[in-house]
Amino acid sequence: MKARWLWLSLLLCITACKTTHPQDASLYNRIGGKEVLYKISAQTLDIVATDPATKRSFDGIKMPALKQSLADFLCVKTGGDCVYEGETMKNSHADLHITTAEFELMVQALRDTLDANHIGTREKNELLKILAPMKRDVVAK
C-alpha cells in the first residue's frame, strides 16, 4: 500500500513539475497573444482618435494600418514572434508635437482598454513599464 502511495506521489510531483504555470509564460502569452493585442490596439486608438483632446494627431492617418502596426509593435515588445516594420517611436512622432497631456490621455486610454479586456494587474504593469521610457521619444520637447 505504501509503495502505491509513493508511486502516486512521485507521479503527481513529476506532472506538477512539468506543468508550465501561466505566471512563467511570456507577457505576450499571458496577455492573450496576437488577437488580444490587436483588440487592445484597435480599441485604444479608437478612443484617442475620437477624443477632442487627442484626435488632431490622427488626422489623415490610415487607422487600419496604424492599428496593425501598433499591435505588431506591442507583440514584439511583449515577447511575441511578430515582426514590427514601422518607424521608431521618435521618428513616427517627430512632427506631431505631442504634449505631455496628450501622452497621458493615451496612457489612460490604454489603461482603460486593458481593464476592459480583463488584463491582469501584473500584465498591465509590465506592459506599462515597457512602454513608459518611450515617453521621451513621443512627447515634443
C-alpha atoms as a PDB file:
ATOM      1  CA  MET A   1       0.000   0.000   0.000  1.00  0.00           C
ATOM      2  CA  LYS A   2       2.835   2.378   0.874  1.00  0.00           C
ATOM      3  CA  ALA A   3       4.517   1.641  -2.453  1.00  0.00           C
ATOM      4  CA  ARG A   4       1.367   2.614  -4.356  1.00  0.00           C
ATOM      5  CA  TRP A   5       1.162   5.939  -2.475  1.00  0.00           C
ATOM      6  CA  LEU A   6       4.836   6.530  -3.107  1.00  0.00           C
ATOM      7  CA  TRP A   7       4.368   5.980  -6.860  1.00  0.00           C
ATOM      8  CA  LEU A   8       1.251   8.139  -6.908  1.00  0.00           C
ATOM      9  CA  SER A   9       3.084  10.933  -5.081  1.00  0.00           C
ATOM     10  CA  LEU A  10       6.017  10.653  -7.456  1.00  0.00           C
ATOM     11  CA  LEU A  11       3.715  10.752 -10.477  1.00  0.00           C
ATOM     12  CA  LEU A  12       1.924  13.843  -9.147  1.00  0.00           C
ATOM     13  CA  CYS A  13       5.236  15.567  -8.487  1.00  0.00           C
ATOM     14  CA  ILE A  14       6.526  14.825 -11.987  1.00  0.00           C
ATOM     15  CA  THR A  15       3.289  16.064 -13.534  1.00  0.00           C
ATOM     16  CA  ALA A  16       3.303  19.232 -11.436  1.00  0.00           C
ATOM     17  CA  CYS A  17       6.957  19.911 -12.172  1.00  0.00           C
ATOM     18  CA  LYS A  18       6.382  19.673 -15.950  1.00  0.00           C
ATOM     19  CA  THR A  19       3.324  21.912 -15.922  1.00  0.00           C
ATOM     20  CA  THR A  20       4.019  25.405 -17.189  1.00  0.00           C
ATOM     21  CA  HIS A  21       2.402  27.945 -14.943  1.00  0.00           C
ATOM     22  CA  PRO A  22       0.794  30.956 -16.623  1.00  0.00           C
ATOM     23  CA  GLN A  23       2.828  33.343 -14.471  1.00  0.00           C
ATOM     24  CA  ASP A  24       6.000  31.854 -16.012  1.00  0.00           C
ATOM     25  CA  ALA A  25       4.839  32.415 -19.602  1.00  0.00           C
ATOM     26  CA  SER A  26       5.887  35.427 -21.650  1.00  0.00           C
ATOM     27  CA  LEU A  27       3.939  38.642 -21.250  1.00  0.00           C
ATOM     28  CA  TYR A  28       2.720  38.103 -24.825  1.00  0.00           C
ATOM     29  CA  ASN A  29       1.176  34.752 -23.882  1.00  0.00           C
ATOM     30  CA  ARG A  30      -0.208  35.953 -20.556  1.00  0.00           C
ATOM     31  CA  ILE A  31      -1.953  38.870 -22.264  1.00  0.00           C
ATOM     32  CA  GLY A  32      -3.522  36.528 -24.791  1.00  0.00           C
ATOM     33  CA  GLY A  33      -1.408  36.755 -27.924  1.00  0.00           C
ATOM     34  CA  LYS A  34      -1.924  38.486 -31.258  1.00  0.00           C
ATOM     35  CA  GLU A  35      -5.719  38.627 -31.205  1.00  0.00           C
ATOM     36  CA  VAL A  36      -5.884  40.308 -27.825  1.00  0.00           C
ATOM     37  CA  LEU A  37      -3.060  42.711 -28.648  1.00  0.00           C
ATOM     38  CA  TYR A  38      -4.828  43.729 -31.864  1.00  0.00           C
ATOM     39  CA  LYS A  39      -8.068  44.244 -29.963  1.00  0.00           C
ATOM     40  CA  ILE A  40      -6.296  46.369 -27.334  1.00  0.00           C
ATOM     41  CA  SER A  41      -4.525  48.389 -30.032  1.00  0.00           C
ATOM     42  CA  ALA A  42      -7.690  48.985 -32.030  1.00  0.00           C
ATOM     43  CA  GLN A  43      -9.804  49.950 -29.026  1.00  0.00           C
ATOM     44  CA  THR A  44      -7.153  52.289 -27.610  1.00  0.00           C
ATOM     45  CA  LEU A  45      -6.643  54.009 -30.953  1.00  0.00           C
ATOM     46  CA  ASP A  46     -10.408  54.331 -31.460  1.00  0.00           C
ATOM     47  CA  ILE A  47     -10.599  56.192 -28.152  1.00  0.00           C
ATOM     48  CA  VAL A  48      -7.753  58.638 -28.764  1.00  0.00           C
ATOM     49  CA  ALA A  49      -8.600  59.181 -32.435  1.00  0.00           C
ATOM     50  CA  THR A  50     -12.059  60.441 -31.477  1.00  0.00           C
ATOM     51  CA  ASP A  51     -11.228  62.272 -28.247  1.00  0.00           C
ATOM     52  CA  PRO A  52     -11.278  66.042 -28.912  1.00  0.00           C
ATOM     53  CA  ALA A  53      -8.118  66.420 -26.808  1.00  0.00           C
ATOM     54  CA  THR A  54      -6.057  63.970 -28.876  1.00  0.00           C
ATOM     55  CA  LYS A  55      -7.716  63.440 -32.254  1.00  0.00           C
ATOM     56  CA  ARG A  56      -5.648  66.083 -34.079  1.00  0.00           C
ATOM     57  CA  SER A  57      -2.697  63.673 -34.126  1.00  0.00           C
ATOM     58  CA  PHE A  58      -4.692  61.160 -36.140  1.00  0.00           C
ATOM     59  CA  ASP A  59      -5.943  63.425 -38.932  1.00  0.00           C
ATOM     60  CA  GLY A  60      -5.122  61.845 -42.275  1.00  0.00           C
ATOM     61  CA  ILE A  61      -3.820  58.631 -40.698  1.00  0.00           C
ATOM     62  CA  LYS A  62      -4.858  55.295 -42.194  1.00  0.00           C
ATOM     63  CA  MET A  63      -6.284  53.821 -38.997  1.00  0.00           C
ATOM     64  CA  PRO A  64      -6.374  50.145 -40.055  1.00  0.00           C
ATOM     65  CA  ALA A  65      -2.651  50.261 -40.853  1.00  0.00           C
ATOM     66  CA  LEU A  66      -1.877  52.100 -37.614  1.00  0.00           C
ATOM     67  CA  LYS A  67      -3.876  49.596 -35.559  1.00  0.00           C
ATOM     68  CA  GLN A  68      -1.982  46.693 -37.121  1.00  0.00           C
ATOM     69  CA  SER A  69       1.347  48.445 -36.704  1.00  0.00           C
ATOM     70  CA  LEU A  70       0.669  49.157 -33.019  1.00  0.00           C
ATOM     71  CA  ALA A  71      -0.428  45.557 -32.465  1.00  0.00           C
ATOM     72  CA  ASP A  72       2.782  44.303 -34.107  1.00  0.00           C
ATOM     73  CA  PHE A  73       4.837  46.713 -32.010  1.00  0.00           C
ATOM     74  CA  LEU A  74       3.180  45.512 -28.789  1.00  0.00           C
ATOM     75  CA  CYS A  75       3.606  41.916 -29.908  1.00  0.00           C
ATOM     76  CA  VAL A  76       7.361  42.357 -30.288  1.00  0.00           C
ATOM     77  CA  LYS A  77       7.694  44.315 -27.036  1.00  0.00           C
ATOM     78  CA  THR A  78       5.832  41.639 -25.050  1.00  0.00           C
ATOM     79  CA  GLY A  79       7.848  38.711 -26.406  1.00  0.00           C
ATOM     80  CA  GLY A  80       5.707  37.585 -29.320  1.00  0.00           C
ATOM     81  CA  ASP A  81       7.042  36.370 -32.649  1.00  0.00           C
ATOM     82  CA  CYS A  82       5.614  39.212 -34.717  1.00  0.00           C
ATOM     83  CA  VAL A  83       7.606  41.481 -36.976  1.00  0.00           C
ATOM     84  CA  TYR A  84       7.320  45.238 -36.492  1.00  0.00           C
ATOM     85  CA  GLU A  85       8.201  47.126 -39.657  1.00  0.00           C
ATOM     86  CA  GLY A  86       7.184  50.607 -38.548  1.00  0.00           C
ATOM     87  CA  GLU A  87       9.268  53.617 -37.706  1.00  0.00           C
ATOM     88  CA  THR A  88      10.943  54.210 -34.372  1.00  0.00           C
ATOM     89  CA  MET A  89       8.782  55.994 -31.813  1.00  0.00           C
ATOM     90  CA  LYS A  90      10.946  59.094 -32.175  1.00  0.00           C
ATOM     91  CA  ASN A  91      10.651  59.215 -35.976  1.00  0.00           C
ATOM     92  CA  SER A  92       6.948  58.423 -36.099  1.00  0.00           C
ATOM     93  CA  HIS A  93       6.060  61.175 -33.621  1.00  0.00           C
ATOM     94  CA  ALA A  94       8.647  63.808 -34.594  1.00  0.00           C
ATOM     95  CA  ASP A  95       6.313  66.176 -36.446  1.00  0.00           C
ATOM     96  CA  LEU A  96       3.204  65.616 -34.319  1.00  0.00           C
ATOM     97  CA  HIS A  97       4.183  67.894 -31.427  1.00  0.00           C
ATOM     98  CA  ILE A  98       2.569  65.601 -28.856  1.00  0.00           C
ATOM     99  CA  THR A  99       2.118  67.295 -25.478  1.00  0.00           C
ATOM    100  CA  THR A 100       2.522  65.654 -22.089  1.00  0.00           C
ATOM    101  CA  ALA A 101      -1.236  65.976 -21.583  1.00  0.00           C
ATOM    102  CA  GLU A 102      -1.941  64.162 -24.871  1.00  0.00           C
ATOM    103  CA  PHE A 103       0.533  61.439 -23.958  1.00  0.00           C
ATOM    104  CA  GLU A 104      -1.103  60.975 -20.563  1.00  0.00           C
ATOM    105  CA  LEU A 105      -4.528  60.702 -22.207  1.00  0.00           C
ATOM    106  CA  MET A 106      -3.155  57.972 -24.480  1.00  0.00           C
ATOM    107  CA  VAL A 107      -1.768  56.109 -21.472  1.00  0.00           C
ATOM    108  CA  GLN A 108      -5.123  56.411 -19.686  1.00  0.00           C
ATOM    109  CA  ALA A 109      -6.943  55.137 -22.766  1.00  0.00           C
ATOM    110  CA  LEU A 110      -4.570  52.172 -22.848  1.00  0.00           C
ATOM    111  CA  ARG A 111      -5.138  51.503 -19.133  1.00  0.00           C
ATOM    112  CA  ASP A 112      -8.899  51.657 -19.600  1.00  0.00           C
ATOM    113  CA  THR A 113      -8.713  49.312 -22.578  1.00  0.00           C
ATOM    114  CA  LEU A 114      -6.543  46.838 -20.669  1.00  0.00           C
ATOM    115  CA  ASP A 115      -9.042  46.910 -17.797  1.00  0.00           C
ATOM    116  CA  ALA A 116     -11.998  46.482 -20.162  1.00  0.00           C
ATOM    117  CA  ASN A 117     -10.309  43.417 -21.650  1.00  0.00           C
ATOM    118  CA  HIS A 118      -9.664  41.934 -18.212  1.00  0.00           C
ATOM    119  CA  ILE A 119      -5.888  42.093 -18.460  1.00  0.00           C
ATOM    120  CA  GLY A 120      -4.391  41.306 -15.057  1.00  0.00           C
ATOM    121  CA  THR A 121      -2.698  43.912 -12.893  1.00  0.00           C
ATOM    122  CA  ARG A 122       0.685  42.233 -13.223  1.00  0.00           C
ATOM    123  CA  GLU A 123       0.473  42.141 -17.018  1.00  0.00           C
ATOM    124  CA  LYS A 124      -0.833  45.696 -17.229  1.00  0.00           C
ATOM    125  CA  ASN A 125       2.011  46.971 -15.058  1.00  0.00           C
ATOM    126  CA  GLU A 126       4.616  45.033 -17.042  1.00  0.00           C
ATOM    127  CA  LEU A 127       3.335  46.440 -20.312  1.00  0.00           C
ATOM    128  CA  LEU A 128       3.224  49.997 -18.989  1.00  0.00           C
ATOM    129  CA  LYS A 129       6.761  49.594 -17.625  1.00  0.00           C
ATOM    130  CA  ILE A 130       7.954  48.538 -21.084  1.00  0.00           C
ATOM    131  CA  LEU A 131       6.221  51.487 -22.762  1.00  0.00           C
ATOM    132  CA  ALA A 132       6.981  54.230 -20.188  1.00  0.00           C
ATOM    133  CA  PRO A 133      10.533  55.015 -21.384  1.00  0.00           C
ATOM    134  CA  MET A 134       9.132  55.810 -24.824  1.00  0.00           C
ATOM    135  CA  LYS A 135       7.571  58.993 -23.488  1.00  0.00           C
ATOM    136  CA  ARG A 136      10.795  60.881 -24.187  1.00  0.00           C
ATOM    137  CA  ASP A 137      10.575  59.850 -27.857  1.00  0.00           C
ATOM    138  CA  VAL A 138       6.874  60.704 -28.226  1.00  0.00           C
ATOM    139  CA  VAL A 139       6.418  63.971 -26.311  1.00  0.00           C
ATOM    140  CA  ALA A 140       7.744  67.111 -28.011  1.00  0.00           C
ATOM    141  CA  LYS A 141      10.491  68.905 -26.168  1.00  0.00           C
END
